[in-house]
């Protein structure tokens, strides 16, 4: 009498294969998420670059950043045909407001380094987090973000036109 043998399954190989497939699926998901996040960082980058090159004297763009006021404001730094450094502020057109473009030669404005040095001399026990250009109510500003001696997160906006403090916000941490 012939007995039918059941096929032998090596469970180690099956288990290892499932783990490898799961690791590959996770890696693929992480990679796709990263690409999506990077692509969404500046969603209209090509449109903004084209607008900057058409509407301002900038011919070589160094950097484009985004500042959120009521509307989105794009801030571009670059150089004109004479290789002079420029900074341009572009507010997108929205349903409630018109498009606004303002450009400055960087020599006309307060130096970022000078404003940061002034801040450092006033706040010696503070920890600088970052600096960015900003624009509030059509005023070109330098945003300095730092942590002060009382462990508060502080945003201070210096006018790029005269170096005065335009606005300051101090945030207290509820939980530490």
C-alpha atoms as a PDB file:
ATOM      1  CA  UNK A   1       0.000   0.000   0.000  1.00  0.00           C
ATOM      2  CA  UNK A   2       1.352   3.358  -1.021  1.00  0.00           C
ATOM      3  CA  UNK A   3       1.137   6.198   1.375  1.00  0.00           C
ATOM      4  CA  UNK A   4       0.955   9.708   0.180  1.00  0.00           C
ATOM      5  CA  UNK A   5       3.672  11.900   1.646  1.00  0.00           C
ATOM      6  CA  UNK A   6       2.879  15.457   2.516  1.00  0.00           C
ATOM      7  CA  UNK A   7       5.293  17.977   1.030  1.00  0.00           C
ATOM      8  CA  UNK A   8       7.893  19.186   3.466  1.00  0.00           C
ATOM      9  CA  UNK A   9       7.726  22.930   4.264  1.00  0.00           C
ATOM     10  CA  UNK A  10      10.793  24.562   5.671  1.00  0.00           C
ATOM     11  CA  UNK A  11       9.195  27.065   8.061  1.00  0.00           C
ATOM     12  CA  UNK A  12      12.474  28.886   8.680  1.00  0.00           C
ATOM     13  CA  UNK A  13      12.713  29.880   5.016  1.00  0.00           C
ATOM     14  CA  UNK A  14       9.061  30.954   4.927  1.00  0.00           C
ATOM     15  CA  UNK A  15       9.456  33.053   8.094  1.00  0.00           C
ATOM     16  CA  UNK A  16      12.688  34.700   6.875  1.00  0.00           C
ATOM     17  CA  UNK A  17      11.097  35.425   3.469  1.00  0.00           C
ATOM     18  CA  UNK A  18       8.116  37.133   5.138  1.00  0.00           C
ATOM     19  CA  UNK A  19      10.460  39.271   7.274  1.00  0.00           C
ATOM     20  CA  UNK A  20      12.520  40.293   4.221  1.00  0.00           C
ATOM     21  CA  UNK A  21       9.365  41.242   2.293  1.00  0.00           C
ATOM     22  CA  UNK A  22       8.107  43.281   5.268  1.00  0.00           C
ATOM     23  CA  UNK A  23      11.457  45.109   5.576  1.00  0.00           C
ATOM     24  CA  UNK A  24      11.483  45.900   1.843  1.00  0.00           C
ATOM     25  CA  UNK A  25       7.879  47.144   1.996  1.00  0.00           C
ATOM     26  CA  UNK A  26       8.721  49.433   4.950  1.00  0.00           C
ATOM     27  CA  UNK A  27      11.828  50.764   3.194  1.00  0.00           C
ATOM     28  CA  UNK A  28       9.790  51.481   0.052  1.00  0.00           C
ATOM     29  CA  UNK A  29       7.125  53.288   2.102  1.00  0.00           C
ATOM     30  CA  UNK A  30       9.713  55.416   3.917  1.00  0.00           C
ATOM     31  CA  UNK A  31      11.450  56.326   0.645  1.00  0.00           C
ATOM     32  CA  UNK A  32       8.163  57.338  -1.009  1.00  0.00           C
ATOM     33  CA  UNK A  33       7.137  59.385   2.041  1.00  0.00           C
ATOM     34  CA  UNK A  34      10.502  61.167   2.043  1.00  0.00           C
ATOM     35  CA  UNK A  35      10.197  62.008  -1.660  1.00  0.00           C
ATOM     36  CA  UNK A  36       6.688  63.357  -1.141  1.00  0.00           C
ATOM     37  CA  UNK A  37       7.749  65.517   1.806  1.00  0.00           C
ATOM     38  CA  UNK A  38      10.714  66.954  -0.096  1.00  0.00           C
ATOM     39  CA  UNK A  39       8.557  67.623  -3.162  1.00  0.00           C
ATOM     40  CA  UNK A  40       5.962  69.454  -1.074  1.00  0.00           C
ATOM     41  CA  UNK A  41       8.485  71.674   0.715  1.00  0.00           C
ATOM     42  CA  UNK A  42       8.062  74.443  -1.834  1.00  0.00           C
ATOM     43  CA  UNK A  43       5.121  73.319  -3.968  1.00  0.00           C
ATOM     44  CA  UNK A  44       5.272  76.121  -6.543  1.00  0.00           C
ATOM     45  CA  UNK A  45       9.056  76.300  -6.790  1.00  0.00           C
ATOM     46  CA  UNK A  46       9.221  76.330 -10.595  1.00  0.00           C
ATOM     47  CA  UNK A  47       6.421  78.891 -10.816  1.00  0.00           C
ATOM     48  CA  UNK A  48       8.089  81.078  -8.165  1.00  0.00           C
ATOM     49  CA  UNK A  49      11.508  80.844  -9.875  1.00  0.00           C
ATOM     50  CA  UNK A  50       9.953  81.857 -13.182  1.00  0.00           C
ATOM     51  CA  UNK A  51       8.127  84.756 -11.518  1.00  0.00           C
ATOM     52  CA  UNK A  52      11.318  85.957  -9.816  1.00  0.00           C
ATOM     53  CA  UNK A  53      13.331  85.849 -13.017  1.00  0.00           C
ATOM     54  CA  UNK A  54      10.585  87.673 -14.976  1.00  0.00           C
ATOM     55  CA  UNK A  55       9.477  90.305 -12.462  1.00  0.00           C
ATOM     56  CA  UNK A  56      12.713  91.220 -10.657  1.00  0.00           C
ATOM     57  CA  UNK A  57      16.272  92.145 -11.599  1.00  0.00           C
ATOM     58  CA  UNK A  58      17.554  88.835 -10.209  1.00  0.00           C
ATOM     59  CA  UNK A  59      19.213  86.762 -12.927  1.00  0.00           C
ATOM     60  CA  UNK A  60      20.906  84.152 -10.696  1.00  0.00           C
ATOM     61  CA  UNK A  61      18.861  82.801  -7.787  1.00  0.00           C
ATOM     62  CA  UNK A  62      20.822  81.725  -4.703  1.00  0.00           C
ATOM     63  CA  UNK A  63      17.967  80.713  -2.422  1.00  0.00           C
ATOM     64  CA  UNK A  64      14.184  80.798  -2.153  1.00  0.00           C
ATOM     65  CA  UNK A  65      12.429  80.593   1.195  1.00  0.00           C
ATOM     66  CA  UNK A  66       8.833  80.850   2.236  1.00  0.00           C
ATOM     67  CA  UNK A  67       7.301  82.976   5.005  1.00  0.00           C
ATOM     68  CA  UNK A  68       3.704  82.636   6.085  1.00  0.00           C
ATOM     69  CA  UNK A  69       1.956  85.837   7.020  1.00  0.00           C
ATOM     70  CA  UNK A  70      -1.720  86.177   6.090  1.00  0.00           C
ATOM     71  CA  UNK A  71      -0.659  85.141   2.596  1.00  0.00           C
ATOM     72  CA  UNK A  72       2.400  83.191   1.563  1.00  0.00           C
ATOM     73  CA  UNK A  73       5.446  85.342   0.896  1.00  0.00           C
ATOM     74  CA  UNK A  74       8.363  83.950  -1.089  1.00  0.00           C
ATOM     75  CA  UNK A  75      11.736  85.486  -0.400  1.00  0.00           C
ATOM     76  CA  UNK A  76      14.500  85.108  -2.944  1.00  0.00           C
ATOM     77  CA  UNK A  77      18.134  86.047  -2.717  1.00  0.00           C
ATOM     78  CA  UNK A  78      20.312  86.283  -5.774  1.00  0.00           C
ATOM     79  CA  UNK A  79      22.347  88.513  -8.009  1.00  0.00           C
ATOM     80  CA  UNK A  80      21.558  90.908 -10.828  1.00  0.00           C
ATOM     81  CA  UNK A  81      23.482  91.283 -14.091  1.00  0.00           C
ATOM     82  CA  UNK A  82      26.108  93.454 -12.344  1.00  0.00           C
ATOM     83  CA  UNK A  83      26.634  90.631  -9.753  1.00  0.00           C
ATOM     84  CA  UNK A  84      25.151  92.819  -7.001  1.00  0.00           C
ATOM     85  CA  UNK A  85      23.349  90.832  -4.280  1.00  0.00           C
ATOM     86  CA  UNK A  86      19.587  91.371  -4.231  1.00  0.00           C
ATOM     87  CA  UNK A  87      16.702  90.225  -2.076  1.00  0.00           C
ATOM     88  CA  UNK A  88      13.141  90.039  -3.414  1.00  0.00           C
ATOM     89  CA  UNK A  89       9.876  89.598  -1.526  1.00  0.00           C
ATOM     90  CA  UNK A  90       6.976  88.169  -3.522  1.00  0.00           C
ATOM     91  CA  UNK A  91       3.495  87.899  -2.049  1.00  0.00           C
ATOM     92  CA  UNK A  92       1.262  85.577  -4.005  1.00  0.00           C
ATOM     93  CA  UNK A  93      -1.943  86.881  -5.476  1.00  0.00           C
ATOM     94  CA  UNK A  94      -4.968  85.592  -3.570  1.00  0.00           C
ATOM     95  CA  UNK A  95      -8.720  86.137  -3.705  1.00  0.00           C
ATOM     96  CA  UNK A  96      -8.415  88.958  -1.173  1.00  0.00           C
ATOM     97  CA  UNK A  97      -5.203  90.665  -2.253  1.00  0.00           C
ATOM     98  CA  UNK A  98      -3.065  91.579  -5.220  1.00  0.00           C
ATOM     99  CA  UNK A  99       0.372  90.230  -5.968  1.00  0.00           C
ATOM    100  CA  UNK A 100       3.122  92.257  -4.328  1.00  0.00           C
ATOM    101  CA  UNK A 101       6.760  92.279  -5.401  1.00  0.00           C
ATOM    102  CA  UNK A 102       9.438  94.337  -3.710  1.00  0.00           C
ATOM    103  CA  UNK A 103      13.161  94.015  -4.282  1.00  0.00           C
ATOM    104  CA  UNK A 104      16.133  95.566  -2.540  1.00  0.00           C
ATOM    105  CA  UNK A 105      19.852  95.707  -3.099  1.00  0.00           C
ATOM    106  CA  UNK A 106      21.328  94.080  -0.035  1.00  0.00           C
ATOM    107  CA  UNK A 107      23.616  97.084   0.459  1.00  0.00           C
ATOM    108  CA  UNK A 108      20.485  99.230   1.007  1.00  0.00           C
ATOM    109  CA  UNK A 109      19.398  97.038   3.928  1.00  0.00           C
ATOM    110  CA  UNK A 110      20.866  96.274   7.320  1.00  0.00           C
ATOM    111  CA  UNK A 111      23.333  93.412   7.220  1.00  0.00           C
ATOM    112  CA  UNK A 112      22.106  90.089   8.605  1.00  0.00           C
ATOM    113  CA  UNK A 113      25.446  89.594  10.337  1.00  0.00           C
ATOM    114  CA  UNK A 114      25.273  93.025  11.974  1.00  0.00           C
ATOM    115  CA  UNK A 115      21.748  92.381  13.283  1.00  0.00           C
ATOM    116  CA  UNK A 116      22.715  88.951  14.617  1.00  0.00           C
ATOM    117  CA  UNK A 117      25.822  90.420  16.271  1.00  0.00           C
ATOM    118  CA  UNK A 118      23.693  93.150  17.871  1.00  0.00           C
ATOM    119  CA  UNK A 119      21.243  90.517  19.127  1.00  0.00           C
ATOM    120  CA  UNK A 120      24.103  88.371  20.506  1.00  0.00           C
ATOM    121  CA  UNK A 121      25.506  91.333  22.434  1.00  0.00           C
ATOM    122  CA  UNK A 122      22.081  92.018  23.983  1.00  0.00           C
ATOM    123  CA  UNK A 123      21.262  88.388  24.795  1.00  0.00           C
ATOM    124  CA  UNK A 124      24.478  86.691  25.869  1.00  0.00           C
ATOM    125  CA  UNK A 125      22.865  83.688  27.605  1.00  0.00           C
ATOM    126  CA  UNK A 126      20.507  82.889  24.711  1.00  0.00           C
ATOM    127  CA  UNK A 127      20.790  80.012  22.257  1.00  0.00           C
ATOM    128  CA  UNK A 128      20.318  80.940  18.597  1.00  0.00           C
ATOM    129  CA  UNK A 129      18.066  78.497  16.735  1.00  0.00           C
ATOM    130  CA  UNK A 130      17.806  80.056  13.259  1.00  0.00           C
ATOM    131  CA  UNK A 131      17.515  83.230  11.217  1.00  0.00           C
ATOM    132  CA  UNK A 132      15.239  83.829   8.248  1.00  0.00           C
ATOM    133  CA  UNK A 133      14.087  86.714   6.149  1.00  0.00           C
ATOM    134  CA  UNK A 134      10.461  87.696   6.690  1.00  0.00           C
ATOM    135  CA  UNK A 135       7.937  90.326   5.635  1.00  0.00           C
ATOM    136  CA  UNK A 136       5.071  91.606   7.772  1.00  0.00           C
ATOM    137  CA  UNK A 137       2.819  94.441   6.576  1.00  0.00           C
ATOM    138  CA  UNK A 138       5.168  95.076   3.638  1.00  0.00           C
ATOM    139  CA  UNK A 139       8.144  95.622   5.977  1.00  0.00           C
ATOM    140  CA  UNK A 140      11.288  93.613   5.149  1.00  0.00           C
ATOM    141  CA  UNK A 141      12.459  91.883   8.315  1.00  0.00           C
ATOM    142  CA  UNK A 142      15.005  89.493   9.724  1.00  0.00           C
ATOM    143  CA  UNK A 143      13.449  86.828  11.942  1.00  0.00           C
ATOM    144  CA  UNK A 144      15.778  85.627  14.705  1.00  0.00           C
ATOM    145  CA  UNK A 145      14.541  82.571  16.570  1.00  0.00           C
ATOM    146  CA  UNK A 146      16.215  81.658  19.839  1.00  0.00           C
ATOM    147  CA  UNK A 147      15.786  80.191  23.297  1.00  0.00           C
ATOM    148  CA  UNK A 148      16.272  82.666  26.139  1.00  0.00           C
ATOM    149  CA  UNK A 149      17.625  82.261  29.675  1.00  0.00           C
ATOM    150  CA  UNK A 150      14.095  81.506  30.968  1.00  0.00           C
ATOM    151  CA  UNK A 151      13.790  78.567  28.529  1.00  0.00           C
ATOM    152  CA  UNK A 152      11.259  80.427  26.371  1.00  0.00           C
ATOM    153  CA  UNK A 153      11.166  80.077  22.599  1.00  0.00           C
ATOM    154  CA  UNK A 154      11.435  83.613  21.196  1.00  0.00           C
ATOM    155  CA  UNK A 155      10.817  85.126  17.771  1.00  0.00           C
ATOM    156  CA  UNK A 156      12.183  88.631  17.289  1.00  0.00           C
ATOM    157  CA  UNK A 157      11.746  90.518  14.032  1.00  0.00           C
ATOM    158  CA  UNK A 158      14.288  93.232  13.190  1.00  0.00           C
ATOM    159  CA  UNK A 159      13.590  95.767  10.476  1.00  0.00           C
ATOM    160  CA  UNK A 160      16.039  95.386   7.618  1.00  0.00           C
ATOM    161  CA  UNK A 161      15.545  99.062   6.776  1.00  0.00           C
ATOM    162  CA  UNK A 162      16.647 100.611  10.093  1.00  0.00           C
ATOM    163  CA  UNK A 163      17.625  97.733  12.403  1.00  0.00           C
ATOM    164  CA  UNK A 164      14.919  98.412  14.991  1.00  0.00           C
ATOM    165  CA  UNK A 165      12.841  95.691  16.642  1.00  0.00           C
ATOM    166  CA  UNK A 166       9.594  95.423  14.695  1.00  0.00           C
ATOM    167  CA  UNK A 167       7.888  92.682  16.688  1.00  0.00           C
ATOM    168  CA  UNK A 168       8.711  90.108  19.342  1.00  0.00           C
ATOM    169  CA  UNK A 169       6.931  86.961  20.545  1.00  0.00           C
ATOM    170  CA  UNK A 170       7.920  84.872  23.554  1.00  0.00           C
ATOM    171  CA  UNK A 171       6.447  81.415  23.963  1.00  0.00           C
ATOM    172  CA  UNK A 172       6.425  79.651  27.311  1.00  0.00           C
ATOM    173  CA  UNK A 173       6.791  75.883  27.426  1.00  0.00           C
ATOM    174  CA  UNK A 174       3.923  74.224  29.208  1.00  0.00           C
ATOM    175  CA  UNK A 175       5.618  70.839  29.578  1.00  0.00           C
ATOM    176  CA  UNK A 176       9.308  70.156  29.884  1.00  0.00           C
END
